[in-house]
Amino acid sequence: MQLRPYQVDLIDNARDALRQHRRILLVAPTGAGKTAITVYMMQQAAARGMKSCFIVHQNELLMQTSRALWKQKLEHGLIASGKGRPGLPTQVASVQTLINRLGDYKDWNLIIIDEAHRSAARTYREVISAYPNARVIGLTATPQRTDGKGLADMFDCMVEGPNIQQLIKSGYLCDYEIYAPKIDFDISQVKTVAGDYAKGELETAMDKPTITGDAVQHYLSLANNKRCVVMCVTVNHAKHVAEQYQAAGIAAECMDGTMSTKQREDMLTRFKDGKTKILTAVQLLIEGVDVPGIEVVQWLRPTQSVIVWMQGNGRGFRPFEGKDRLIILDHVGNVMRHGMPDQLRNWTLEGRAKRTRKSSSDESDIGIQTCPKCRHVFLYGVSSCPKCGTEVELKERKIEQVDGSLEKLDRSIEVIQQRKEQGRARSLVELVELGKRRNMANPAAWAVNVYAARLGRKPTGEDYAQARRAAA
């Protein structure tokens, strides 16, 4: 299989780390292709006569990985309810089923754990303890638990891949815009449980027709007709949000864990095809769902967890035909709590230090501003809104020390320069040439998406043919 250059580097670095450690954690953003990395590693293990197991926590992830393995013609078994081929050396396992079948599988050489920020749970610990001789590789975009605690007791070292900024610049992820429209809510009295807001109290504060009505109107004004996932507090909240979208004449559905796999797959198909414009959910769309067609992520769920914030936004960063950028509608101040999604973060296995809970309007601590006119969110360092041009207070840009070198958290100046350069490229051919100068992975596809979006239509076959000729 053809791997991207950074995937090859990540695998090489993982191989080096495994020469010194038994349990390692691979870190790469959502959309970086961790499934491809998994398939390659399991292929290599099989070719060397080694037994390997990939462990997931959702049935959708189980089937997604299985399809990827079959595509590479790697025979494997599934450890899941109603399934089982224990004699095969390559397995994909649901952790909930595996924990009850540990005696059927012996002496794995390699265990790979998906969404490894969950690996501190009892089930994963029992699995790892049952195979003391196995090498263990965890995969995650966010290497800490949802309550902010670290994973040092689970893994010996961390191997990091490229960050979100690098993948956006290379064209492997799409760019984004954040808006923080004001809505009237108060969560000052909501308690904290296990590192995040108590769901029952949060539902009472957020599940109100006036709040949802404002959110629907902002979707219509900022992202009308785009495919949007809405992050909600509870299943009841998600159902009520879907109902208000439907009442506004917008095709909306609510996805919840009581549905069968077939029902969820059919719902995602309608969403991918554009028949459904709005999908509301609680946790199902935070992790594991691979839907590149997501154009908007709307937040009606305040969270104290940077993991929830980054994983949820990560659903929308995958490129897709006709999609030039992701739009994030943050109605609840999560960007004020956790910063921009592509902000450089100094991840460690020790987790983050405890911090006091801040007001959702406190922008100063993380160096971001919100335009008072269009509600576009951007980082310090400019005197006017990068989106609408409204004059704003010029504030000092923040700089953070990362791995011994100075890295600017503020990308707004660079974004303005890039957009001006992009605006000067008027024709499809000029856009392809710009993509090539930026060393994008697929400059033709990027140029077609930008060009078609300018014209307000979907890309055509002739667009792609012209772009491929220009890129050759």
Protein backbone atom coordinates (compact mmCIF):
# COMPACT_ATOMS: atom_id res chain seq x y z
CA MET A 1 0.00 0.00 0.00
CA GLN A 2 1.11 3.56 -0.72
CA LEU A 3 1.85 5.49 2.48
CA ARG A 4 2.27 9.24 2.79
CA PRO A 5 5.81 10.42 3.60
CA TYR A 6 4.97 11.43 7.16
CA GLN A 7 3.29 8.06 7.75
CA VAL A 8 6.48 6.31 6.71
CA ASP A 9 8.47 8.51 9.11
CA LEU A 10 6.04 7.81 11.94
CA ILE A 11 6.29 4.05 11.40
CA ASP A 12 10.09 4.22 11.27
CA ASN A 13 10.17 6.22 14.51
CA ALA A 14 7.77 3.75 16.12
CA ARG A 15 10.02 0.87 15.09
CA ASP A 16 13.01 2.61 16.69
CA ALA A 17 11.05 3.26 19.89
CA LEU A 18 9.98 -0.38 20.14
CA ARG A 19 13.61 -1.44 20.22
CA GLN A 20 13.85 0.21 23.63
CA HIS A 21 10.29 0.13 25.00
CA ARG A 22 7.46 -2.41 25.15
CA ARG A 23 4.53 0.04 25.13
CA ILE A 24 4.57 3.17 22.98
CA LEU A 25 1.97 5.82 22.10
CA LEU A 26 1.76 7.16 18.52
CA VAL A 27 0.23 10.65 18.30
CA ALA A 28 -1.16 12.11 15.05
CA PRO A 29 -4.17 14.36 14.34
CA THR A 30 -7.58 13.04 13.38
CA GLY A 31 -7.47 12.57 9.61
CA ALA A 32 -3.75 11.80 9.49
CA GLY A 33 -4.49 8.23 8.38
CA LYS A 34 -4.02 6.13 11.49
CA THR A 35 -6.08 3.33 9.88
CA ALA A 36 -3.59 3.16 7.00
CA ILE A 37 -0.72 3.03 9.49
CA THR A 38 -2.48 0.22 11.37
CA VAL A 39 -3.07 -1.84 8.22
CA TYR A 40 0.56 -1.47 7.19
CA MET A 41 1.86 -2.53 10.60
CA MET A 42 -0.43 -5.56 10.68
CA GLN A 43 0.62 -6.50 7.14
CA GLN A 44 4.26 -6.36 8.17
CA ALA A 45 3.56 -8.43 11.29
CA ALA A 46 1.76 -11.10 9.23
CA ALA A 47 4.58 -11.22 6.69
CA ARG A 48 6.99 -12.02 9.54
CA GLY A 49 4.78 -14.72 10.98
CA MET A 50 3.73 -12.61 13.96
CA LYS A 51 0.31 -12.54 15.62
CA SER A 52 -1.35 -9.14 15.93
CA CYS A 53 -4.58 -7.69 17.28
CA PHE A 54 -6.16 -4.29 16.71
CA ILE A 55 -8.52 -3.25 19.53
CA VAL A 56 -11.38 -0.76 19.14
CA HIS A 57 -14.28 0.39 21.31
CA GLN A 58 -16.96 0.95 18.64
CA ASN A 59 -18.52 -1.43 16.13
CA GLU A 60 -18.17 1.19 13.38
CA LEU A 61 -14.40 1.26 13.97
CA LEU A 62 -14.28 -2.53 13.93
CA MET A 63 -15.93 -2.75 10.52
CA GLN A 64 -14.01 0.23 9.12
CA THR A 65 -10.69 -1.42 9.98
CA SER A 66 -11.86 -4.80 8.71
CA ARG A 67 -12.77 -3.30 5.33
CA ALA A 68 -9.34 -1.64 5.13
CA LEU A 69 -7.62 -4.97 5.86
CA TRP A 70 -9.66 -6.84 3.23
CA LYS A 71 -8.85 -4.10 0.71
CA GLN A 72 -5.19 -5.05 1.20
CA LYS A 73 -6.15 -8.76 0.98
CA LEU A 74 -5.05 -9.46 4.56
CA GLU A 75 -7.13 -12.31 5.96
CA HIS A 76 -8.21 -11.73 9.55
CA GLY A 77 -10.74 -12.62 12.19
CA LEU A 78 -13.23 -10.44 14.05
CA ILE A 79 -13.58 -10.68 17.81
CA ALA A 80 -17.10 -9.37 18.22
CA SER A 81 -20.53 -10.57 19.19
CA GLY A 82 -21.63 -13.38 16.87
CA LYS A 83 -18.24 -13.54 15.12
CA GLY A 84 -14.98 -15.37 15.63
CA ARG A 85 -12.12 -17.05 13.75
CA PRO A 86 -9.61 -17.57 16.56
CA GLY A 87 -7.21 -19.60 14.45
CA LEU A 88 -6.12 -16.64 12.32
CA PRO A 89 -2.96 -14.74 13.38
CA THR A 90 -4.46 -11.32 12.54
CA GLN A 91 -7.50 -10.14 14.52
CA VAL A 92 -9.64 -7.01 14.90
CA ALA A 93 -11.33 -6.94 18.29
CA SER A 94 -14.07 -5.14 20.12
CA VAL A 95 -12.61 -4.58 23.58
CA GLN A 96 -15.96 -5.42 25.18
CA THR A 97 -15.97 -8.88 23.53
CA LEU A 98 -12.25 -9.55 23.84
CA ILE A 99 -12.31 -9.14 27.60
CA ASN A 100 -14.62 -12.19 27.76
CA ARG A 101 -12.55 -14.31 25.35
CA LEU A 102 -9.00 -13.78 26.55
CA GLY A 103 -8.54 -17.53 27.00
CA ASP A 104 -9.23 -18.16 23.29
CA TYR A 105 -6.28 -16.07 22.09
CA LYS A 106 -2.72 -16.67 23.27
CA ASP A 107 0.68 -15.09 22.81
CA TRP A 108 0.08 -12.09 20.59
CA ASN A 109 3.28 -10.41 19.42
CA LEU A 110 1.67 -7.05 18.69
CA ILE A 111 -1.37 -5.29 20.18
CA ILE A 112 -2.55 -1.99 18.64
CA ILE A 113 -5.06 0.10 20.60
CA ASP A 114 -7.22 2.61 18.74
CA GLU A 115 -8.33 5.83 20.49
CA ALA A 116 -5.68 5.05 23.09
CA HIS A 117 -6.64 7.98 25.33
CA ARG A 118 -9.29 5.50 26.49
CA SER A 119 -6.72 2.84 27.36
CA ALA A 120 -6.69 3.62 31.09
CA ALA A 121 -10.08 1.90 31.40
CA ARG A 122 -10.24 -1.43 33.26
CA THR A 123 -10.95 -3.46 30.11
CA TYR A 124 -7.81 -2.29 28.31
CA ARG A 125 -5.67 -2.78 31.40
CA GLU A 126 -6.86 -6.40 31.73
CA VAL A 127 -6.09 -7.10 28.07
CA ILE A 128 -2.57 -5.70 28.30
CA SER A 129 -1.94 -7.61 31.54
CA ALA A 130 -3.08 -10.85 29.87
CA TYR A 131 -0.33 -10.58 27.23
CA PRO A 132 2.81 -9.50 29.10
CA ASN A 133 5.15 -10.39 26.20
CA ALA A 134 3.32 -8.43 23.52
CA ARG A 135 4.53 -5.13 22.13
CA VAL A 136 1.77 -2.53 22.57
CA ILE A 137 1.16 0.47 20.30
CA GLY A 138 -1.48 3.04 21.20
CA LEU A 139 -2.90 5.39 18.56
CA THR A 140 -4.52 8.73 19.38
CA ALA A 141 -4.86 12.33 18.28
CA THR A 142 -5.13 13.49 21.89
CA PRO A 143 -2.70 11.78 24.30
CA GLN A 144 -4.39 12.35 27.64
CA ARG A 145 -7.56 11.22 29.35
CA THR A 146 -10.74 13.25 29.07
CA ASP A 147 -10.22 14.51 32.64
CA GLY A 148 -6.75 15.81 31.70
CA LYS A 149 -4.78 13.07 33.44
CA GLY A 150 -1.83 11.55 31.64
CA LEU A 151 -1.09 8.09 30.27
CA ALA A 152 2.36 7.57 31.78
CA ASP A 153 1.16 4.48 33.64
CA MET A 154 0.03 2.90 30.35
CA PHE A 155 2.85 3.78 27.93
CA ASP A 156 6.61 4.07 28.21
CA CYS A 157 7.18 6.76 25.60
CA MET A 158 5.38 8.94 23.06
CA VAL A 159 6.12 9.17 19.32
CA GLU A 160 4.60 12.25 17.69
CA GLY A 161 3.74 12.72 14.04
CA PRO A 162 2.96 15.98 12.20
CA ASN A 163 0.62 18.53 13.78
CA ILE A 164 -2.63 19.90 12.36
CA GLN A 165 -0.98 23.06 11.01
CA GLN A 166 1.53 21.01 9.02
CA LEU A 167 -1.17 18.75 7.57
CA ILE A 168 -3.31 21.73 6.56
CA LYS A 169 -0.36 23.39 4.82
CA SER A 170 0.44 20.15 2.99
CA GLY A 171 -3.15 19.72 1.83
CA TYR A 172 -3.80 16.51 3.75
CA LEU A 173 -6.36 18.31 5.96
CA CYS A 174 -8.63 21.20 4.97
CA ASP A 175 -8.39 24.70 6.43
CA TYR A 176 -11.05 26.04 8.79
CA GLU A 177 -12.86 29.09 10.15
CA ILE A 178 -14.35 29.51 13.63
CA TYR A 179 -17.31 31.68 14.54
CA ALA A 180 -18.51 32.28 18.09
CA PRO A 181 -22.06 33.64 17.77
CA LYS A 182 -23.51 34.85 21.06
CA ILE A 183 -26.39 32.94 22.61
CA ASP A 184 -27.89 33.42 26.05
CA PHE A 185 -26.86 30.63 28.42
CA ASP A 186 -25.53 30.36 31.97
CA ILE A 187 -23.55 27.36 33.23
CA SER A 188 -21.86 29.09 36.15
CA GLN A 189 -23.66 26.84 38.66
CA VAL A 190 -23.14 23.56 36.79
CA LYS A 191 -20.99 21.14 38.80
CA THR A 192 -17.95 19.28 37.52
CA VAL A 193 -17.95 15.47 37.52
CA ALA A 194 -14.93 13.37 36.36
CA GLY A 195 -13.28 16.40 34.79
CA ASP A 196 -16.26 17.71 32.80
CA TYR A 197 -19.62 19.36 33.33
CA ALA A 198 -22.32 17.21 34.97
CA LYS A 199 -24.55 16.18 32.07
CA GLY A 200 -27.86 16.36 33.89
CA GLU A 201 -27.31 19.91 35.07
CA LEU A 202 -25.79 20.91 31.74
CA GLU A 203 -28.82 19.58 29.88
CA THR A 204 -31.10 21.72 32.04
CA ALA A 205 -29.03 24.80 31.20
CA MET A 206 -28.64 24.14 27.45
CA ASP A 207 -31.77 22.30 26.27
CA LYS A 208 -33.98 25.34 25.76
CA PRO A 209 -35.91 26.29 22.60
CA THR A 210 -34.52 29.83 22.65
CA ILE A 211 -30.90 28.60 22.68
CA THR A 212 -31.49 26.06 19.93
CA GLY A 213 -33.50 28.58 17.91
CA ASP A 214 -30.57 31.01 17.97
CA ALA A 215 -28.24 28.21 16.89
CA VAL A 216 -30.49 27.31 13.95
CA GLN A 217 -30.60 30.94 12.80
CA HIS A 218 -26.83 31.26 12.98
CA TYR A 219 -26.43 28.08 10.93
CA LEU A 220 -28.75 29.57 8.29
CA SER A 221 -26.77 32.83 8.17
CA LEU A 222 -23.24 31.38 8.34
CA ALA A 223 -23.39 27.89 6.83
CA ASN A 224 -26.77 27.41 5.15
CA ASN A 225 -27.22 24.16 3.19
CA LYS A 226 -23.88 22.72 4.32
CA ARG A 227 -23.68 19.30 5.98
CA CYS A 228 -23.42 19.92 9.69
CA VAL A 229 -22.94 17.79 12.81
CA VAL A 230 -24.20 19.24 16.09
CA MET A 231 -22.48 18.27 19.35
CA CYS A 232 -25.16 18.02 22.05
CA VAL A 233 -25.24 17.34 25.80
CA THR A 234 -27.60 14.36 26.05
CA VAL A 235 -29.70 12.19 23.74
CA ASN A 236 -32.84 14.14 24.69
CA HIS A 237 -31.04 17.39 23.90
CA ALA A 238 -29.91 15.97 20.54
CA LYS A 239 -33.48 14.91 19.69
CA HIS A 240 -34.87 18.33 20.56
CA VAL A 241 -32.21 20.11 18.48
CA ALA A 242 -33.02 17.88 15.47
CA GLU A 243 -36.72 18.64 15.92
CA GLN A 244 -36.12 22.40 15.86
CA TYR A 245 -34.03 22.11 12.70
CA GLN A 246 -36.85 20.09 11.13
CA ALA A 247 -39.38 22.73 12.19
CA ALA A 248 -37.24 25.29 10.32
CA GLY A 249 -37.54 23.18 7.16
CA ILE A 250 -34.04 21.70 7.33
CA ALA A 251 -33.52 17.94 6.88
CA ALA A 252 -32.18 16.80 10.25
CA GLU A 253 -31.76 13.48 12.09
CA CYS A 254 -30.61 12.45 15.55
CA MET A 255 -28.11 9.61 15.93
CA ASP A 256 -27.95 7.71 19.22
CA GLY A 257 -26.41 4.53 20.60
CA THR A 258 -29.70 2.61 20.82
CA MET A 259 -29.88 2.39 17.03
CA SER A 260 -28.69 -0.68 15.17
CA THR A 261 -25.50 -0.55 13.12
CA LYS A 262 -27.62 -0.68 9.95
CA GLN A 263 -29.73 2.28 11.08
CA ARG A 264 -26.63 4.38 11.80
CA GLU A 265 -24.99 3.39 8.51
CA ASP A 266 -28.14 4.33 6.57
CA MET A 267 -28.26 7.66 8.40
CA LEU A 268 -24.64 8.40 7.54
CA THR A 269 -25.29 7.47 3.90
CA ARG A 270 -28.16 9.98 3.71
CA PHE A 271 -25.87 12.58 5.28
CA LYS A 272 -23.02 11.84 2.85
CA ASP A 273 -25.44 12.08 -0.08
CA GLY A 274 -26.71 15.45 1.16
CA LYS A 275 -30.27 14.23 1.74
CA THR A 276 -29.78 14.96 5.44
CA LYS A 277 -28.12 18.29 6.21
CA ILE A 278 -27.98 18.10 10.02
CA LEU A 279 -26.87 15.21 12.23
CA THR A 280 -27.22 15.70 15.99
CA ALA A 281 -25.52 13.41 18.51
CA VAL A 282 -23.80 13.27 21.89
CA GLN A 283 -20.72 11.03 21.72
CA LEU A 284 -21.11 9.01 18.52
CA LEU A 285 -19.78 11.83 16.34
CA ILE A 286 -16.95 12.80 18.72
CA GLU A 287 -14.76 9.76 17.96
CA GLY A 288 -14.25 7.15 15.31
CA VAL A 289 -16.73 8.21 12.62
CA ASP A 290 -15.03 8.77 9.26
CA VAL A 291 -17.28 11.16 7.30
CA PRO A 292 -15.14 13.48 5.13
CA GLY A 293 -18.29 15.25 3.88
CA ILE A 294 -18.76 17.06 7.22
CA GLU A 295 -18.60 20.77 6.35
CA VAL A 296 -19.73 22.27 9.66
CA VAL A 297 -19.25 21.33 13.31
CA GLN A 298 -21.69 23.13 15.59
CA TRP A 299 -21.15 23.13 19.35
CA LEU A 300 -24.14 23.25 21.72
CA ARG A 301 -22.19 21.25 24.30
CA PRO A 302 -19.85 23.18 26.61
CA THR A 303 -16.95 21.01 27.69
CA GLN A 304 -14.00 21.32 30.03
CA SER A 305 -12.18 18.57 28.12
CA VAL A 306 -9.74 19.58 25.41
CA ILE A 307 -10.00 15.97 24.21
CA VAL A 308 -13.72 16.31 23.47
CA TRP A 309 -13.10 19.69 21.77
CA MET A 310 -10.29 18.43 19.51
CA GLN A 311 -11.80 15.04 18.72
CA GLY A 312 -15.13 16.64 17.82
CA ASN A 313 -13.59 19.22 15.51
CA GLY A 314 -11.33 16.57 14.04
CA ARG A 315 -14.37 14.92 12.41
CA GLY A 316 -14.52 17.82 9.96
CA PHE A 317 -10.90 18.30 8.92
CA ARG A 318 -10.82 15.61 6.23
CA PRO A 319 -10.80 17.00 2.67
CA PHE A 320 -13.77 16.23 0.45
CA GLU A 321 -14.83 17.05 -3.09
CA GLY A 322 -16.46 20.49 -3.16
CA LYS A 323 -15.37 21.39 0.39
CA ASP A 324 -12.79 24.17 0.62
CA ARG A 325 -12.80 24.56 4.40
CA LEU A 326 -14.42 23.46 7.65
CA ILE A 327 -16.72 25.90 9.47
CA ILE A 328 -16.87 25.61 13.27
CA LEU A 329 -19.83 27.29 14.99
CA ASP A 330 -18.90 27.49 18.67
CA HIS A 331 -21.93 28.85 20.52
CA VAL A 332 -20.72 27.78 23.98
CA GLY A 333 -17.24 29.24 24.41
CA ASN A 334 -15.18 26.08 23.95
CA VAL A 335 -12.60 27.91 21.83
CA MET A 336 -12.17 30.36 24.71
CA ARG A 337 -11.46 27.46 27.08
CA HIS A 338 -9.20 25.38 24.86
CA GLY A 339 -7.83 27.55 22.06
CA MET A 340 -7.82 27.06 18.31
CA PRO A 341 -8.01 23.47 17.01
CA ASP A 342 -4.63 23.72 15.27
CA GLN A 343 -2.91 25.46 18.18
CA LEU A 344 0.46 23.86 18.90
CA ARG A 345 0.19 21.81 22.08
CA ASN A 346 2.97 20.47 24.22
CA TRP A 347 1.59 16.96 24.84
CA THR A 348 3.24 14.83 27.51
CA LEU A 349 2.48 11.46 29.03
CA GLU A 350 2.09 13.26 32.37
CA GLY A 351 -1.11 15.04 31.26
CA ARG A 352 -1.97 18.68 31.88
CA ALA A 353 -1.58 20.56 35.11
CA LYS A 354 -4.74 21.32 37.05
CA ARG A 355 -6.22 24.71 36.31
CA THR A 356 -9.05 26.77 37.64
CA ARG A 357 -12.22 26.89 35.60
CA LYS A 358 -12.38 30.08 33.56
CA SER A 359 -15.30 32.05 32.27
CA SER A 360 -16.30 31.22 28.70
CA SER A 361 -15.73 34.89 27.85
CA ASP A 362 -12.11 34.95 29.02
CA GLU A 363 -10.18 35.30 25.76
CA SER A 364 -6.96 36.76 27.14
CA ASP A 365 -5.45 33.59 28.57
CA ILE A 366 -5.18 31.83 25.21
CA GLY A 367 -4.54 34.83 22.98
CA ILE A 368 -7.68 34.86 20.83
CA GLN A 369 -10.16 37.56 19.83
CA THR A 370 -13.71 37.54 18.49
CA CYS A 371 -14.78 40.08 15.90
CA PRO A 372 -17.63 42.14 17.40
CA LYS A 373 -19.33 42.35 14.00
CA CYS A 374 -19.13 38.95 12.26
CA ARG A 375 -18.15 36.85 15.35
CA HIS A 376 -15.17 35.36 13.50
CA VAL A 377 -12.54 34.01 15.95
CA PHE A 378 -8.85 34.72 15.32
CA LEU A 379 -5.59 34.98 17.22
CA TYR A 380 -3.84 38.13 18.43
CA GLY A 381 -1.55 40.14 16.20
CA VAL A 382 -3.82 41.97 13.72
CA SER A 383 -5.64 45.29 13.84
CA SER A 384 -8.61 44.21 11.74
CA CYS A 385 -10.75 41.09 11.49
CA PRO A 386 -9.23 38.70 8.90
CA LYS A 387 -12.76 37.82 7.74
CA CYS A 388 -14.74 41.06 7.43
CA GLY A 389 -12.09 43.77 7.92
CA THR A 390 -13.68 45.38 11.00
CA GLU A 391 -11.09 47.27 13.06
CA VAL A 392 -10.22 45.58 16.36
CA GLU A 393 -7.82 46.30 19.19
CA LEU A 394 -4.28 45.31 18.23
CA LYS A 395 -3.07 42.95 20.92
CA GLU A 396 0.34 41.46 21.45
CA ARG A 397 0.90 38.10 19.78
CA LYS A 398 1.70 35.20 22.08
CA ILE A 399 4.73 33.01 21.53
CA GLU A 400 5.24 29.65 23.16
CA GLN A 401 8.45 27.69 23.70
CA VAL A 402 8.03 24.26 22.11
CA ASP A 403 10.84 21.68 21.95
CA GLY A 404 13.57 24.30 22.21
CA SER A 405 12.34 26.50 19.34
CA LEU A 406 10.01 29.47 19.21
CA GLU A 407 6.69 28.60 17.58
CA LYS A 408 4.02 31.22 16.95
CA LEU A 409 0.58 30.18 18.08
CA ASP A 410 -0.86 33.02 16.06
CA ARG A 411 -1.45 32.01 12.46
CA SER A 412 -3.72 34.93 11.55
CA ILE A 413 -1.01 37.01 9.77
CA GLU A 414 0.05 34.00 7.74
CA VAL A 415 -3.57 33.15 6.94
CA ILE A 416 -4.22 36.68 5.65
CA GLN A 417 -1.14 36.49 3.42
CA GLN A 418 -2.12 33.07 2.11
CA ARG A 419 -5.66 34.19 1.33
CA LYS A 420 -4.42 37.27 -0.53
CA GLU A 421 -2.10 35.04 -2.55
CA GLN A 422 -4.99 32.65 -3.20
CA GLY A 423 -7.22 35.55 -4.25
CA ARG A 424 -4.67 36.64 -6.87
CA ALA A 425 -4.79 33.17 -8.44
CA ARG A 426 -7.91 33.70 -10.55
CA SER A 427 -7.94 30.74 -12.93
CA LEU A 428 -8.03 27.03 -12.18
CA VAL A 429 -4.55 26.62 -13.67
CA GLU A 430 -3.16 29.42 -11.48
CA LEU A 431 -4.67 27.74 -8.40
CA VAL A 432 -3.01 24.44 -9.35
CA GLU A 433 0.35 26.22 -9.69
CA LEU A 434 -0.17 27.83 -6.26
CA GLY A 435 -0.90 24.43 -4.75
CA LYS A 436 2.30 23.05 -6.29
CA ARG A 437 4.35 25.96 -4.88
CA ARG A 438 2.90 25.18 -1.44
CA ASN A 439 4.00 21.54 -1.83
CA MET A 440 0.46 20.27 -1.36
CA ALA A 441 -0.09 16.53 -1.53
CA ASN A 442 -2.83 16.89 -4.17
CA PRO A 443 -2.75 20.41 -5.66
CA ALA A 444 -5.21 19.50 -8.43
CA ALA A 445 -7.98 18.38 -6.06
CA TRP A 446 -7.43 21.39 -3.79
CA ALA A 447 -7.52 23.82 -6.74
CA VAL A 448 -10.74 22.29 -8.11
CA ASN A 449 -12.50 22.58 -4.75
CA VAL A 450 -11.48 26.24 -4.32
CA TYR A 451 -12.35 27.11 -7.92
CA ALA A 452 -15.79 25.46 -7.82
CA ALA A 453 -16.60 27.06 -4.43
CA ARG A 454 -15.86 30.50 -5.92
CA LEU A 455 -18.38 29.81 -8.69
CA GLY A 456 -20.97 28.51 -6.24
CA ARG A 457 -21.26 25.09 -7.86
CA LYS A 458 -19.99 21.53 -7.50
CA PRO A 459 -16.77 20.48 -9.27
CA THR A 460 -17.20 18.91 -12.70
CA GLY A 461 -15.32 16.15 -14.47
CA GLU A 462 -13.86 18.75 -16.84
CA ASP A 463 -12.56 20.73 -13.82
CA TYR A 464 -10.67 17.68 -12.58
CA ALA A 465 -9.35 16.84 -16.05
CA GLN A 466 -8.05 20.40 -16.55
CA ALA A 467 -6.47 20.46 -13.09
CA ARG A 468 -4.75 17.11 -13.60
CA ARG A 469 -3.30 18.33 -16.90
CA ALA A 470 -2.01 21.49 -15.20
CA ALA A 471 -0.48 19.48 -12.35
CA ALA A 472 1.30 17.02 -14.65
